[in-house]
Amino acid sequence: MIGVTATLLTPTAAQAAYFGSETDYAQPSGGPTGSYSCNTWHPHVTVCFRPEGDDIWVLDKLADGHSAVGEWRLRTSSTVHRTGSCVNQLGKGYWGYCNKDFTENLQFVYNGARYEGGNLVDRNLSELAYS
């Protein structure tokens, strides 16, 4: 007798992804230094940007089990050139830091968001632009 094994092919779940085409995981940091601007989404997330060095800081302000994420876009008035996320998985009260290398003369637009396992939970709809 010959045994037959059937294999059921099932599609895998879609890969979760953070905002944009670039994802960086924040390194521990003491917080922003130098000249910077911040976008605070109270009480969830604060995201700060320093153009000298193209540095992004993300502070997780809420012990809710979600990752605090700084979502960003580089754009001109009509075209988005690059998009990405700086993901802080360090926990409440900790600043995370991402160092980028952006093309000059583009507007940097950013906001805070919360993710769970790479899936968007919610985001600050108030964006801040730095030119």
N, C-alpha and C. Protein backbone atom coordinates (compact mmCIF):
# COMPACT_ATOMS: atom_id res chain seq x y z
N MET A 1 0.85 -1.17 0.00
CA MET A 1 0.00 0.00 0.00
C MET A 1 0.89 1.23 0.00
N ILE A 2 0.56 2.17 -0.79
CA ILE A 2 1.33 3.41 -0.89
C ILE A 2 0.58 4.50 -0.13
N GLY A 3 1.32 5.17 0.75
CA GLY A 3 0.71 6.26 1.52
C GLY A 3 0.78 7.56 0.74
N VAL A 4 -0.24 8.34 0.85
CA VAL A 4 -0.29 9.64 0.20
C VAL A 4 -0.39 10.71 1.27
N THR A 5 0.49 11.68 1.16
CA THR A 5 0.45 12.78 2.10
C THR A 5 -0.04 14.03 1.39
N ALA A 6 -1.03 14.63 1.92
CA ALA A 6 -1.55 15.87 1.33
C ALA A 6 -1.01 17.04 2.14
N THR A 7 -0.59 18.04 1.43
CA THR A 7 -0.11 19.26 2.07
C THR A 7 -1.07 20.38 1.74
N LEU A 8 -1.58 20.98 2.75
CA LEU A 8 -2.48 22.10 2.56
C LEU A 8 -1.65 23.37 2.46
N LEU A 9 -1.76 24.06 1.35
CA LEU A 9 -1.02 25.31 1.17
C LEU A 9 -1.90 26.45 1.63
N THR A 10 -1.40 27.17 2.59
CA THR A 10 -2.15 28.32 3.08
C THR A 10 -1.30 29.55 2.93
N PRO A 11 -1.91 30.63 2.53
CA PRO A 11 -1.13 31.85 2.40
C PRO A 11 -0.68 32.33 3.78
N THR A 12 0.51 32.90 3.84
CA THR A 12 0.99 33.45 5.10
C THR A 12 0.38 34.83 5.30
N ALA A 13 0.34 35.24 6.53
CA ALA A 13 -0.19 36.56 6.83
C ALA A 13 0.69 37.62 6.18
N ALA A 14 0.07 38.70 5.80
CA ALA A 14 0.82 39.78 5.19
C ALA A 14 1.86 40.30 6.17
N GLN A 15 3.02 40.60 5.66
CA GLN A 15 4.10 41.12 6.50
C GLN A 15 3.72 42.50 7.03
N ALA A 16 3.78 42.67 8.32
CA ALA A 16 3.50 43.97 8.92
C ALA A 16 4.64 44.91 8.58
N ALA A 17 4.33 46.17 8.46
CA ALA A 17 5.37 47.13 8.10
C ALA A 17 5.11 48.46 8.75
N TYR A 18 6.19 49.12 9.10
CA TYR A 18 6.11 50.49 9.60
C TYR A 18 5.92 51.44 8.43
N PHE A 19 5.62 52.68 8.72
CA PHE A 19 5.39 53.69 7.69
C PHE A 19 6.63 53.89 6.82
N GLY A 20 6.41 54.01 5.53
CA GLY A 20 7.47 54.39 4.60
C GLY A 20 8.33 53.24 4.13
N SER A 21 9.33 53.60 3.35
CA SER A 21 10.20 52.59 2.75
C SER A 21 11.48 52.35 3.55
N GLU A 22 11.74 53.17 4.56
CA GLU A 22 12.94 53.02 5.38
C GLU A 22 12.53 52.86 6.84
N THR A 23 13.01 51.80 7.48
CA THR A 23 12.73 51.58 8.91
C THR A 23 14.05 51.48 9.66
N ASP A 24 14.20 52.34 10.67
CA ASP A 24 15.37 52.31 11.54
C ASP A 24 14.89 52.07 12.96
N TYR A 25 15.63 51.26 13.72
CA TYR A 25 15.29 50.99 15.11
C TYR A 25 16.18 51.88 15.98
N ALA A 26 15.53 52.68 16.81
CA ALA A 26 16.22 53.69 17.60
C ALA A 26 17.17 53.08 18.62
N GLN A 27 18.30 53.72 18.76
CA GLN A 27 19.29 53.37 19.77
C GLN A 27 19.02 54.21 21.02
N PRO A 28 19.35 53.72 22.21
CA PRO A 28 19.13 54.50 23.43
C PRO A 28 19.85 55.84 23.36
N SER A 29 19.20 56.86 23.91
CA SER A 29 19.76 58.21 23.89
C SER A 29 19.25 58.98 25.10
N GLY A 30 20.00 60.00 25.48
CA GLY A 30 19.58 60.86 26.59
C GLY A 30 18.58 61.91 26.17
N GLY A 31 18.26 61.98 24.89
CA GLY A 31 17.32 62.99 24.39
C GLY A 31 17.99 63.95 23.45
N PRO A 32 17.21 64.83 22.85
CA PRO A 32 17.74 65.74 21.84
C PRO A 32 18.77 66.71 22.39
N THR A 33 19.73 67.05 21.55
CA THR A 33 20.74 68.06 21.90
C THR A 33 20.87 69.03 20.73
N GLY A 34 21.45 70.18 21.01
CA GLY A 34 21.65 71.17 19.95
C GLY A 34 20.36 71.89 19.62
N SER A 35 20.27 72.38 18.39
CA SER A 35 19.10 73.11 17.92
C SER A 35 18.16 72.14 17.20
N TYR A 36 16.95 72.00 17.73
CA TYR A 36 16.01 71.03 17.20
C TYR A 36 14.58 71.52 17.35
N SER A 37 13.66 70.86 16.66
CA SER A 37 12.23 71.14 16.81
C SER A 37 11.53 69.83 17.14
N CYS A 38 10.41 69.92 17.86
CA CYS A 38 9.70 68.71 18.30
C CYS A 38 8.22 68.77 17.94
N ASN A 39 7.65 67.61 17.72
CA ASN A 39 6.23 67.43 17.51
C ASN A 39 5.75 66.49 18.62
N THR A 40 4.97 67.02 19.55
CA THR A 40 4.50 66.23 20.68
C THR A 40 3.04 65.84 20.49
N TRP A 41 2.79 64.56 20.62
CA TRP A 41 1.43 64.02 20.57
C TRP A 41 1.12 63.54 21.98
N HIS A 42 0.51 64.42 22.76
CA HIS A 42 0.25 64.16 24.17
C HIS A 42 -0.90 63.19 24.32
N PRO A 43 -0.83 62.17 25.13
CA PRO A 43 0.27 61.81 26.03
C PRO A 43 1.14 60.69 25.47
N HIS A 44 1.11 60.44 24.18
CA HIS A 44 1.70 59.24 23.60
C HIS A 44 3.18 59.32 23.22
N VAL A 45 3.52 60.24 22.32
CA VAL A 45 4.83 60.23 21.67
C VAL A 45 5.33 61.66 21.45
N THR A 46 6.64 61.86 21.62
CA THR A 46 7.29 63.09 21.18
C THR A 46 8.35 62.71 20.17
N VAL A 47 8.37 63.42 19.04
CA VAL A 47 9.37 63.21 17.99
C VAL A 47 10.10 64.53 17.78
N CYS A 48 11.43 64.48 17.80
CA CYS A 48 12.24 65.69 17.61
C CYS A 48 13.18 65.49 16.43
N PHE A 49 13.48 66.59 15.75
CA PHE A 49 14.36 66.56 14.58
C PHE A 49 15.42 67.66 14.69
N ARG A 50 16.67 67.27 14.43
CA ARG A 50 17.78 68.23 14.37
C ARG A 50 18.35 68.16 12.96
N PRO A 51 18.24 69.26 12.19
CA PRO A 51 18.70 69.22 10.80
C PRO A 51 20.21 69.06 10.67
N GLU A 52 20.98 69.61 11.60
CA GLU A 52 22.42 69.42 11.57
C GLU A 52 22.70 67.98 12.00
N GLY A 53 23.00 67.13 11.03
CA GLY A 53 23.23 65.72 11.32
C GLY A 53 22.06 64.84 10.94
N ASP A 54 20.92 65.45 10.60
CA ASP A 54 19.72 64.68 10.23
C ASP A 54 19.37 63.65 11.30
N ASP A 55 19.22 64.13 12.52
CA ASP A 55 18.97 63.28 13.67
C ASP A 55 17.50 63.30 14.06
N ILE A 56 16.97 62.14 14.41
CA ILE A 56 15.58 62.00 14.84
C ILE A 56 15.58 61.34 16.22
N TRP A 57 14.85 61.94 17.16
CA TRP A 57 14.67 61.35 18.48
C TRP A 57 13.20 61.03 18.68
N VAL A 58 12.92 59.92 19.35
CA VAL A 58 11.54 59.52 19.64
C VAL A 58 11.45 59.15 21.11
N LEU A 59 10.50 59.76 21.80
CA LEU A 59 10.25 59.48 23.22
C LEU A 59 8.92 58.75 23.36
N ASP A 60 8.96 57.58 23.99
CA ASP A 60 7.75 56.83 24.32
C ASP A 60 7.24 57.38 25.65
N LYS A 61 6.06 57.98 25.64
CA LYS A 61 5.55 58.66 26.83
C LYS A 61 4.47 57.87 27.57
N LEU A 62 4.11 56.69 27.06
CA LEU A 62 2.98 55.98 27.64
C LEU A 62 3.31 54.49 27.78
N ALA A 63 3.09 53.94 28.98
CA ALA A 63 3.34 52.52 29.23
C ALA A 63 2.12 51.72 28.76
N ASP A 64 2.03 51.52 27.45
CA ASP A 64 0.87 50.85 26.88
C ASP A 64 1.22 49.60 26.08
N GLY A 65 2.51 49.23 26.06
CA GLY A 65 2.93 48.05 25.31
C GLY A 65 3.16 48.29 23.83
N HIS A 66 2.89 49.50 23.35
CA HIS A 66 3.08 49.82 21.94
C HIS A 66 4.44 50.48 21.73
N SER A 67 4.98 50.35 20.53
CA SER A 67 6.22 51.05 20.18
C SER A 67 5.88 52.48 19.75
N ALA A 68 6.70 53.42 20.21
CA ALA A 68 6.57 54.81 19.78
C ALA A 68 7.38 54.97 18.49
N VAL A 69 6.78 55.61 17.49
CA VAL A 69 7.42 55.70 16.18
C VAL A 69 7.36 57.13 15.66
N GLY A 70 8.48 57.60 15.16
CA GLY A 70 8.52 58.87 14.44
C GLY A 70 8.40 58.57 12.95
N GLU A 71 7.29 58.97 12.35
CA GLU A 71 7.09 58.79 10.91
C GLU A 71 7.55 60.06 10.21
N TRP A 72 8.23 59.92 9.07
CA TRP A 72 8.77 61.09 8.39
C TRP A 72 8.68 60.96 6.87
N ARG A 73 8.69 62.14 6.22
CA ARG A 73 8.72 62.23 4.76
C ARG A 73 9.66 63.36 4.37
N LEU A 74 10.39 63.17 3.31
CA LEU A 74 11.16 64.25 2.68
C LEU A 74 10.45 64.60 1.40
N ARG A 75 10.16 65.89 1.21
CA ARG A 75 9.38 66.26 0.03
C ARG A 75 9.71 67.66 -0.45
N THR A 76 9.33 67.91 -1.69
CA THR A 76 9.22 69.25 -2.22
C THR A 76 7.74 69.57 -2.16
N SER A 77 7.31 70.66 -2.69
CA SER A 77 5.89 71.00 -2.60
C SER A 77 5.00 70.00 -3.32
N SER A 78 5.52 69.32 -4.34
CA SER A 78 4.67 68.43 -5.11
C SER A 78 5.11 66.96 -5.13
N THR A 79 6.30 66.65 -4.61
CA THR A 79 6.83 65.29 -4.73
C THR A 79 7.39 64.80 -3.40
N VAL A 80 7.03 63.57 -3.05
CA VAL A 80 7.63 62.92 -1.89
C VAL A 80 8.83 62.13 -2.38
N HIS A 81 10.01 62.37 -1.78
CA HIS A 81 11.25 61.75 -2.23
C HIS A 81 11.64 60.52 -1.40
N ARG A 82 11.46 60.59 -0.09
CA ARG A 82 11.79 59.46 0.80
C ARG A 82 10.80 59.45 1.94
N THR A 83 10.54 58.25 2.48
CA THR A 83 9.65 58.10 3.63
C THR A 83 10.22 57.06 4.57
N GLY A 84 9.87 57.16 5.85
CA GLY A 84 10.38 56.16 6.77
C GLY A 84 9.88 56.31 8.18
N SER A 85 10.44 55.45 9.04
CA SER A 85 10.07 55.39 10.45
C SER A 85 11.31 55.23 11.31
N CYS A 86 11.30 55.91 12.45
CA CYS A 86 12.29 55.72 13.50
C CYS A 86 11.53 55.06 14.65
N VAL A 87 11.81 53.79 14.91
CA VAL A 87 11.01 52.97 15.83
C VAL A 87 11.70 52.88 17.19
N ASN A 88 11.02 53.35 18.24
CA ASN A 88 11.51 53.27 19.61
C ASN A 88 10.81 52.11 20.30
N GLN A 89 11.56 51.02 20.56
CA GLN A 89 11.03 49.86 21.27
C GLN A 89 11.64 49.76 22.67
N LEU A 90 12.11 50.90 23.20
CA LEU A 90 12.83 50.90 24.47
C LEU A 90 11.92 51.01 25.68
N GLY A 91 10.67 51.40 25.49
CA GLY A 91 9.72 51.48 26.60
C GLY A 91 9.48 52.90 27.08
N LYS A 92 8.48 53.02 27.96
CA LYS A 92 8.06 54.32 28.48
C LYS A 92 9.21 55.07 29.15
N GLY A 93 9.30 56.36 28.81
CA GLY A 93 10.26 57.24 29.45
C GLY A 93 11.64 57.23 28.82
N TYR A 94 11.84 56.43 27.78
CA TYR A 94 13.15 56.33 27.14
C TYR A 94 13.16 57.00 25.77
N TRP A 95 14.21 57.79 25.56
CA TRP A 95 14.45 58.39 24.26
C TRP A 95 15.20 57.40 23.38
N GLY A 96 14.78 57.31 22.12
CA GLY A 96 15.50 56.55 21.11
C GLY A 96 15.98 57.49 20.03
N TYR A 97 17.08 57.14 19.38
CA TYR A 97 17.75 58.03 18.44
C TYR A 97 18.03 57.31 17.12
N CYS A 98 17.71 57.97 16.00
CA CYS A 98 18.03 57.46 14.66
C CYS A 98 18.81 58.55 13.93
N ASN A 99 19.92 58.16 13.34
CA ASN A 99 20.73 59.09 12.56
C ASN A 99 20.53 58.78 11.09
N LYS A 100 20.12 59.77 10.31
CA LYS A 100 19.86 59.58 8.89
C LYS A 100 20.83 60.45 8.08
N ASP A 101 20.78 60.28 6.78
CA ASP A 101 21.56 61.10 5.86
C ASP A 101 20.60 61.55 4.76
N PHE A 102 20.00 62.74 4.95
CA PHE A 102 18.99 63.23 4.03
C PHE A 102 19.59 64.14 2.96
N THR A 103 18.95 64.15 1.81
CA THR A 103 19.31 65.07 0.74
C THR A 103 18.95 66.49 1.17
N GLU A 104 19.82 67.40 0.89
CA GLU A 104 19.58 68.79 1.28
C GLU A 104 18.46 69.43 0.45
N ASN A 105 17.95 70.54 0.94
CA ASN A 105 16.95 71.36 0.26
C ASN A 105 15.61 70.68 0.06
N LEU A 106 15.25 69.76 0.94
CA LEU A 106 13.93 69.15 0.92
C LEU A 106 13.26 69.41 2.26
N GLN A 107 11.95 69.52 2.24
CA GLN A 107 11.19 69.73 3.47
C GLN A 107 11.06 68.41 4.23
N PHE A 108 11.32 68.45 5.53
CA PHE A 108 11.20 67.30 6.42
C PHE A 108 9.86 67.42 7.15
N VAL A 109 8.97 66.45 6.98
CA VAL A 109 7.65 66.46 7.60
C VAL A 109 7.56 65.24 8.52
N TYR A 110 7.10 65.43 9.77
CA TYR A 110 7.10 64.32 10.71
C TYR A 110 5.96 64.39 11.70
N ASN A 111 5.66 63.21 12.27
CA ASN A 111 4.62 63.08 13.29
C ASN A 111 4.92 61.84 14.12
N GLY A 112 4.17 61.69 15.21
CA GLY A 112 4.32 60.53 16.07
C GLY A 112 3.22 59.51 15.80
N ALA A 113 3.54 58.24 16.09
CA ALA A 113 2.55 57.17 15.91
C ALA A 113 2.84 56.07 16.92
N ARG A 114 1.88 55.17 17.07
CA ARG A 114 2.08 53.98 17.91
C ARG A 114 1.82 52.74 17.06
N TYR A 115 2.69 51.75 17.22
CA TYR A 115 2.59 50.49 16.48
C TYR A 115 2.65 49.32 17.45
N GLU A 116 2.05 48.23 17.03
CA GLU A 116 2.12 46.98 17.78
C GLU A 116 2.56 45.90 16.79
N GLY A 117 3.73 45.35 16.99
CA GLY A 117 4.24 44.31 16.11
C GLY A 117 4.34 44.76 14.65
N GLY A 118 4.64 46.02 14.43
CA GLY A 118 4.75 46.54 13.07
C GLY A 118 3.43 46.97 12.47
N ASN A 119 2.35 46.84 13.20
CA ASN A 119 1.03 47.25 12.70
C ASN A 119 0.63 48.57 13.35
N LEU A 120 0.15 49.49 12.56
CA LEU A 120 -0.28 50.79 13.05
C LEU A 120 -1.43 50.65 14.04
N VAL A 121 -1.27 51.29 15.21
CA VAL A 121 -2.36 51.38 16.19
C VAL A 121 -3.08 52.70 15.98
N ASP A 122 -2.34 53.80 16.02
CA ASP A 122 -2.88 55.13 15.74
C ASP A 122 -1.72 56.09 15.52
N ARG A 123 -2.04 57.28 15.00
CA ARG A 123 -1.00 58.27 14.74
C ARG A 123 -1.53 59.68 14.97
N ASN A 124 -0.59 60.57 15.23
CA ASN A 124 -0.89 61.98 15.37
C ASN A 124 -1.17 62.54 13.98
N LEU A 125 -2.33 63.10 13.77
CA LEU A 125 -2.68 63.64 12.47
C LEU A 125 -2.10 65.04 12.26
N SER A 126 -1.54 65.60 13.31
CA SER A 126 -0.91 66.92 13.22
C SER A 126 0.56 66.73 12.89
N GLU A 127 0.93 67.05 11.64
CA GLU A 127 2.32 66.92 11.21
C GLU A 127 3.04 68.24 11.43
N LEU A 128 4.34 68.15 11.60
CA LEU A 128 5.18 69.33 11.71
C LEU A 128 6.15 69.31 10.55
N ALA A 129 6.32 70.44 9.90
CA ALA A 129 7.23 70.53 8.76
C ALA A 129 8.43 71.38 9.14
N TYR A 130 9.60 70.92 8.74
CA TYR A 130 10.83 71.66 8.95
C TYR A 130 11.47 71.86 7.58
N SER A 131 11.67 73.13 7.23
CA SER A 131 12.25 73.44 5.91
C SER A 131 13.67 73.95 6.06
